[in-house]
Amino acid sequence: MNNTFKLICDSSIDLTEEFIKEEDIEIMHFPISLGGTTYQDGIDITNNNLFDMIQKTGEMPHTSAFGPKAYEEVFEKFVNDYKDVVFIGLGSGFSSSLNSARIGTSKFDNVHIIDSQNLSSGTGLLVLKICKLRKEGKDASEVVDIINEMVPKVRSQFTIDTLNYLHKGGRCSGASKLFGTLLNIKPIIKVVDNAMVVAKKPIGYQRAIRALIDEAISYKDNMDLDHIMVTHVLAHETALDIISQLSQYFDPSTIMETNAGTTVATHCGPGTIGILYILKK
């Protein structure tokens, strides 16, 4: 057990079970409701069965935020055994959970909250940094300060293969869906200032992939080279192709393939894929 501080995250960080276990991270699994049943993200529902269940039920899944009580209860499990507790998860611009986490700290004076202002592996990259800093012996206050400075340097961008899920989830109008589908537009979504924005509208999936790769390469002299993430929803072969191309410019050992969890997949759909990294400045 690492006694420097306890790290708690939610399931939106999209890191592997092996890493989470190795680093002794406590995970709060988001609830996913579908067909009258509530599941736990990454426990009893994954991307492998999510879309089959959507087709069978004809319903869209619903994600729910944690309330303050849920955070209070999980913090209470660790505040007496560790000098400090650090929580980081889905950014405040994407869920009310972060605000609930802050409210959930009211009884404790040794719980620190970090707003990742990001989602999926964008937050996961910060978790990797936290674990590295903890191994270096940094205490909770030092880590929080360092990570807060790093948050604006995270670059998360991904392309959407189908607009159906954005439309069904209320994030894309019917007209935009029809227009985009007819023209084969594969929008590139970026996380900017704690929100998702449409950055580009390439025609065709391969052009969108090429745009993601070219942008990553353009930052190679200013990129933090500890980790580069290629994160996807059921797009393993495309991820391997992206990794192969990136490996011509970056050390292959730093490039990680990660699977987006159902929290992201619910809203973006299969074929979604992104390249995520942190800039030096």
Protein backbone atom coordinates (compact mmCIF):
# COMPACT_ATOMS: atom_id res chain seq x y z
CA MET A 1 0.00 0.00 0.00
CA ASN A 2 1.27 3.46 -0.91
CA ASN A 3 0.76 5.65 2.17
CA THR A 4 1.67 8.97 0.54
CA PHE A 5 -2.02 9.49 -0.25
CA LYS A 6 -5.01 7.51 -1.46
CA LEU A 7 -6.08 8.12 -5.05
CA ILE A 8 -9.77 7.85 -5.95
CA CYS A 9 -11.13 8.20 -9.50
CA ASP A 10 -14.35 7.51 -11.35
CA SER A 11 -14.70 5.01 -14.17
CA SER A 12 -14.44 7.66 -16.87
CA ILE A 13 -10.61 7.61 -16.71
CA ASP A 14 -10.57 4.60 -19.09
CA LEU A 15 -7.36 3.01 -17.82
CA THR A 16 -6.75 -0.73 -17.67
CA GLU A 17 -7.80 -2.90 -14.76
CA GLU A 18 -4.18 -4.04 -14.42
CA PHE A 19 -2.91 -0.48 -13.98
CA ILE A 20 -5.69 0.42 -11.57
CA LYS A 21 -4.93 -2.61 -9.42
CA GLU A 22 -1.17 -2.07 -9.56
CA GLU A 23 -1.50 1.55 -8.47
CA ASP A 24 -4.13 0.75 -5.79
CA ILE A 25 -6.67 3.21 -7.21
CA GLU A 26 -10.20 3.19 -5.85
CA ILE A 27 -12.70 3.41 -8.71
CA MET A 28 -16.27 4.70 -8.48
CA HIS A 29 -18.18 3.04 -11.31
CA PHE A 30 -20.78 5.26 -12.97
CA PRO A 31 -24.31 3.82 -13.16
CA ILE A 32 -25.65 3.11 -16.66
CA SER A 33 -29.42 2.56 -16.97
CA LEU A 34 -30.77 0.58 -19.91
CA GLY A 35 -33.93 -1.44 -20.44
CA GLY A 36 -35.14 -0.90 -16.89
CA THR A 37 -31.90 -2.19 -15.35
CA THR A 38 -29.03 -0.19 -13.83
CA TYR A 39 -25.50 -1.44 -14.47
CA GLN A 40 -22.06 -0.38 -13.25
CA ASP A 41 -19.74 0.98 -15.92
CA GLY A 42 -16.92 -1.50 -16.47
CA ILE A 43 -18.31 -4.07 -14.04
CA ASP A 44 -21.44 -5.62 -15.53
CA ILE A 45 -21.69 -3.59 -18.72
CA THR A 46 -18.94 -2.96 -21.27
CA ASN A 47 -18.74 -1.81 -24.87
CA ASN A 48 -18.76 -5.44 -25.96
CA ASN A 49 -22.39 -5.83 -24.87
CA LEU A 50 -23.61 -2.22 -24.69
CA PHE A 51 -24.54 -1.84 -28.34
CA ASP A 52 -26.11 -5.30 -28.56
CA MET A 53 -28.32 -4.32 -25.63
CA ILE A 54 -29.24 -1.02 -27.29
CA GLN A 55 -30.37 -2.88 -30.41
CA LYS A 56 -32.33 -5.46 -28.44
CA THR A 57 -34.13 -2.94 -26.20
CA GLY A 58 -34.51 -0.18 -28.79
CA GLU A 59 -33.57 2.25 -26.00
CA MET A 60 -30.68 4.62 -25.40
CA PRO A 61 -28.79 4.13 -22.14
CA HIS A 62 -28.74 6.87 -19.54
CA THR A 63 -25.75 7.81 -17.41
CA SER A 64 -26.21 9.20 -13.90
CA ALA A 65 -24.00 11.45 -11.81
CA PHE A 66 -22.99 10.54 -8.28
CA GLY A 67 -24.51 12.59 -5.47
CA PRO A 68 -22.59 14.11 -2.54
CA LYS A 69 -23.49 11.19 -0.26
CA ALA A 70 -21.78 8.69 -2.54
CA TYR A 71 -18.55 10.67 -2.40
CA GLU A 72 -18.79 11.20 1.34
CA GLU A 73 -19.11 7.45 1.85
CA VAL A 74 -16.13 6.55 -0.32
CA PHE A 75 -13.95 9.28 1.21
CA GLU A 76 -14.89 8.08 4.68
CA LYS A 77 -13.43 4.66 3.88
CA PHE A 78 -9.92 6.09 3.56
CA VAL A 79 -9.55 9.39 5.44
CA ASN A 80 -8.43 7.71 8.66
CA ASP A 81 -5.95 5.30 7.07
CA TYR A 82 -4.19 7.83 4.84
CA LYS A 83 -2.74 11.23 5.56
CA ASP A 84 -4.54 12.58 2.48
CA VAL A 85 -7.05 11.52 -0.15
CA VAL A 86 -7.01 12.83 -3.72
CA PHE A 87 -9.99 12.56 -6.07
CA ILE A 88 -9.96 13.23 -9.82
CA GLY A 89 -12.61 12.25 -12.36
CA LEU A 90 -14.91 13.50 -15.08
CA GLY A 91 -14.50 17.25 -15.56
CA SER A 92 -17.02 19.67 -14.09
CA GLY A 93 -18.07 20.76 -17.58
CA PHE A 94 -19.32 17.27 -18.39
CA SER A 95 -21.08 16.19 -15.21
CA SER A 96 -22.40 17.50 -11.89
CA SER A 97 -20.42 14.75 -10.16
CA LEU A 98 -17.37 16.95 -9.58
CA ASN A 99 -19.45 19.49 -7.68
CA SER A 100 -20.99 16.66 -5.67
CA ALA A 101 -17.49 15.46 -4.84
CA ARG A 102 -16.62 18.90 -3.51
CA ILE A 103 -19.75 18.91 -1.34
CA GLY A 104 -18.87 15.41 -0.18
CA THR A 105 -15.60 16.66 1.33
CA SER A 106 -17.36 18.91 3.87
CA LYS A 107 -16.75 16.53 6.79
CA PHE A 108 -13.07 16.04 6.01
CA ASP A 109 -10.03 18.29 6.01
CA ASN A 110 -7.65 15.92 4.20
CA VAL A 111 -9.54 15.31 0.93
CA HIS A 112 -8.32 17.13 -2.18
CA ILE A 113 -10.42 17.51 -5.34
CA ILE A 114 -8.90 18.00 -8.81
CA ASP A 115 -11.11 19.15 -11.69
CA SER A 116 -9.64 17.41 -14.74
CA GLN A 117 -11.74 19.62 -17.05
CA ASN A 118 -11.62 16.60 -19.31
CA LEU A 119 -13.01 13.14 -19.97
CA SER A 120 -11.92 9.63 -20.89
CA SER A 121 -8.16 9.26 -21.43
CA GLY A 122 -7.72 13.02 -21.13
CA THR A 123 -8.34 12.50 -17.44
CA GLY A 124 -6.48 9.20 -17.60
CA LEU A 125 -3.31 11.00 -18.71
CA LEU A 126 -3.49 13.14 -15.57
CA VAL A 127 -4.00 10.02 -13.44
CA LEU A 128 -0.82 8.55 -14.93
CA LYS A 129 1.02 11.73 -13.95
CA ILE A 130 -0.42 11.62 -10.43
CA CYS A 131 0.82 8.06 -9.98
CA LYS A 132 4.26 8.99 -11.26
CA LEU A 133 4.48 11.95 -8.89
CA ARG A 134 3.32 9.79 -5.98
CA LYS A 135 6.09 7.29 -6.70
CA GLU A 136 8.55 10.16 -6.63
CA GLY A 137 7.41 10.89 -3.07
CA LYS A 138 5.40 14.04 -3.72
CA ASP A 139 2.71 14.68 -1.12
CA ALA A 140 -0.92 15.41 -1.94
CA SER A 141 -0.62 19.21 -1.87
CA GLU A 142 2.38 19.17 -4.20
CA VAL A 143 0.64 16.81 -6.60
CA VAL A 144 -2.56 18.87 -6.67
CA ASP A 145 -0.59 22.03 -7.50
CA ILE A 146 1.40 20.32 -10.27
CA ILE A 147 -1.65 18.67 -11.84
CA ASN A 148 -3.74 21.84 -11.71
CA GLU A 149 -1.03 23.56 -13.75
CA MET A 150 -1.04 20.64 -16.18
CA VAL A 151 -4.82 20.51 -16.74
CA PRO A 152 -4.93 23.23 -19.48
CA LYS A 153 -2.12 21.46 -21.36
CA VAL A 154 -4.09 18.27 -21.97
CA ARG A 155 -5.16 17.85 -25.58
CA SER A 156 -8.14 15.56 -26.23
CA GLN A 157 -9.57 15.21 -29.72
CA PHE A 158 -11.50 12.40 -31.35
CA THR A 159 -13.58 11.69 -34.41
CA ILE A 160 -17.13 10.33 -34.47
CA ASP A 161 -17.92 7.63 -37.03
CA THR A 162 -21.71 7.78 -36.63
CA LEU A 163 -23.88 10.74 -35.61
CA ASN A 164 -26.70 8.47 -34.42
CA TYR A 165 -25.65 8.43 -30.79
CA LEU A 166 -24.99 12.16 -30.54
CA HIS A 167 -28.44 12.68 -32.06
CA LYS A 168 -30.19 10.19 -29.78
CA GLY A 169 -28.48 11.71 -26.79
CA GLY A 170 -29.67 15.21 -27.70
CA ARG A 171 -26.24 16.53 -28.67
CA CYS A 172 -26.92 16.73 -32.41
CA SER A 173 -30.09 18.01 -34.08
CA GLY A 174 -32.03 15.93 -36.57
CA ALA A 175 -31.11 18.33 -39.36
CA SER A 176 -27.42 18.21 -38.49
CA LYS A 177 -27.52 14.42 -38.32
CA LEU A 178 -29.21 14.16 -41.74
CA PHE A 179 -26.90 16.72 -43.33
CA GLY A 180 -23.78 15.18 -41.79
CA THR A 181 -24.77 11.65 -42.75
CA LEU A 182 -25.57 12.56 -46.36
CA LEU A 183 -22.22 14.31 -46.77
CA ASN A 184 -20.34 11.58 -44.83
CA ILE A 185 -19.05 14.17 -42.34
CA LYS A 186 -16.97 12.70 -39.52
CA PRO A 187 -16.67 15.59 -37.04
CA ILE A 188 -13.54 16.05 -34.98
CA ILE A 189 -14.49 16.92 -31.43
CA LYS A 190 -12.04 18.66 -29.10
CA VAL A 191 -12.17 19.35 -25.39
CA VAL A 192 -11.66 23.08 -24.98
CA ASP A 193 -12.16 24.99 -21.72
CA ASN A 194 -13.98 22.13 -20.01
CA ALA A 195 -16.41 21.56 -22.90
CA MET A 196 -16.67 19.65 -26.19
CA VAL A 197 -16.55 21.68 -29.39
CA VAL A 198 -16.60 20.71 -33.06
CA ALA A 199 -13.14 21.65 -34.34
CA LYS A 200 -13.28 20.29 -37.91
CA LYS A 201 -15.74 18.56 -40.24
CA PRO A 202 -13.74 16.27 -42.52
CA ILE A 203 -15.51 14.36 -45.26
CA GLY A 204 -14.88 10.66 -44.65
CA TYR A 205 -13.52 8.63 -41.76
CA GLN A 206 -10.01 8.23 -43.19
CA ARG A 207 -9.62 11.98 -43.70
CA ALA A 208 -10.68 12.54 -40.11
CA ILE A 209 -8.11 10.00 -38.90
CA ARG A 210 -5.44 11.67 -41.02
CA ALA A 211 -6.30 15.05 -39.50
CA LEU A 212 -5.94 13.66 -35.96
CA ILE A 213 -2.55 12.14 -36.79
CA ASP A 214 -1.25 15.25 -38.53
CA GLU A 215 -2.20 17.47 -35.61
CA ALA A 216 -0.45 15.16 -33.13
CA ILE A 217 2.70 15.17 -35.26
CA SER A 218 2.60 18.98 -35.46
CA TYR A 219 3.03 19.10 -31.67
CA LYS A 220 5.93 16.62 -31.49
CA ASP A 221 8.47 19.22 -30.34
CA ASN A 222 6.14 20.52 -27.62
CA MET A 223 4.62 17.23 -26.51
CA ASP A 224 5.13 15.65 -23.10
CA LEU A 225 6.48 12.29 -24.19
CA ASP A 226 5.64 10.22 -21.13
CA HIS A 227 2.41 8.96 -22.68
CA ILE A 228 0.36 9.33 -25.86
CA MET A 229 -3.08 7.73 -25.83
CA VAL A 230 -5.02 6.28 -28.74
CA THR A 231 -8.48 5.74 -27.27
CA HIS A 232 -11.39 4.16 -29.07
CA VAL A 233 -14.83 2.58 -28.96
CA LEU A 234 -14.65 -0.84 -30.68
CA ALA A 235 -12.10 0.39 -33.25
CA HIS A 236 -9.08 -1.77 -32.43
CA GLU A 237 -7.79 -2.20 -35.99
CA THR A 238 -7.96 1.53 -36.66
CA ALA A 239 -6.15 2.17 -33.37
CA LEU A 240 -3.35 -0.19 -34.43
CA ASP A 241 -3.01 1.68 -37.73
CA ILE A 242 -2.81 5.04 -35.94
CA ILE A 243 -0.22 3.68 -33.51
CA SER A 244 1.85 2.37 -36.42
CA GLN A 245 1.86 5.79 -38.06
CA LEU A 246 2.61 7.65 -34.83
CA SER A 247 5.48 5.25 -34.11
CA GLN A 248 7.37 6.79 -37.03
CA TYR A 249 7.59 10.03 -35.04
CA PHE A 250 7.37 8.98 -31.38
CA ASP A 251 8.86 6.26 -29.22
CA PRO A 252 6.41 3.35 -29.63
CA SER A 253 6.74 2.44 -25.95
CA THR A 254 5.06 5.73 -25.01
CA ILE A 255 1.95 5.13 -27.17
CA MET A 256 -0.90 3.40 -25.36
CA GLU A 257 -4.07 1.90 -26.79
CA THR A 258 -6.99 2.35 -24.41
CA ASN A 259 -10.65 1.44 -24.63
CA ALA A 260 -13.18 4.15 -23.89
CA GLY A 261 -15.65 3.02 -21.25
CA THR A 262 -19.40 2.88 -21.60
CA THR A 263 -19.74 6.36 -20.10
CA VAL A 264 -18.17 7.77 -23.29
CA ALA A 265 -19.44 5.10 -25.68
CA THR A 266 -23.05 5.78 -24.71
CA HIS A 267 -22.82 9.30 -26.15
CA CYS A 268 -20.37 8.77 -29.03
CA GLY A 269 -21.05 5.34 -30.46
CA PRO A 270 -18.85 2.65 -32.04
CA GLY A 271 -15.96 3.72 -34.25
CA THR A 272 -15.19 6.77 -32.12
CA ILE A 273 -11.42 7.16 -31.86
CA GLY A 274 -9.07 9.83 -30.57
CA ILE A 275 -5.47 10.80 -29.92
CA LEU A 276 -4.78 12.38 -26.53
CA TYR A 277 -1.61 13.86 -25.06
CA ILE A 278 -0.21 16.57 -22.80
CA LEU A 279 1.80 19.54 -24.03
CA LYS A 280 4.91 20.83 -22.29
CA LYS A 281 3.76 24.43 -22.58
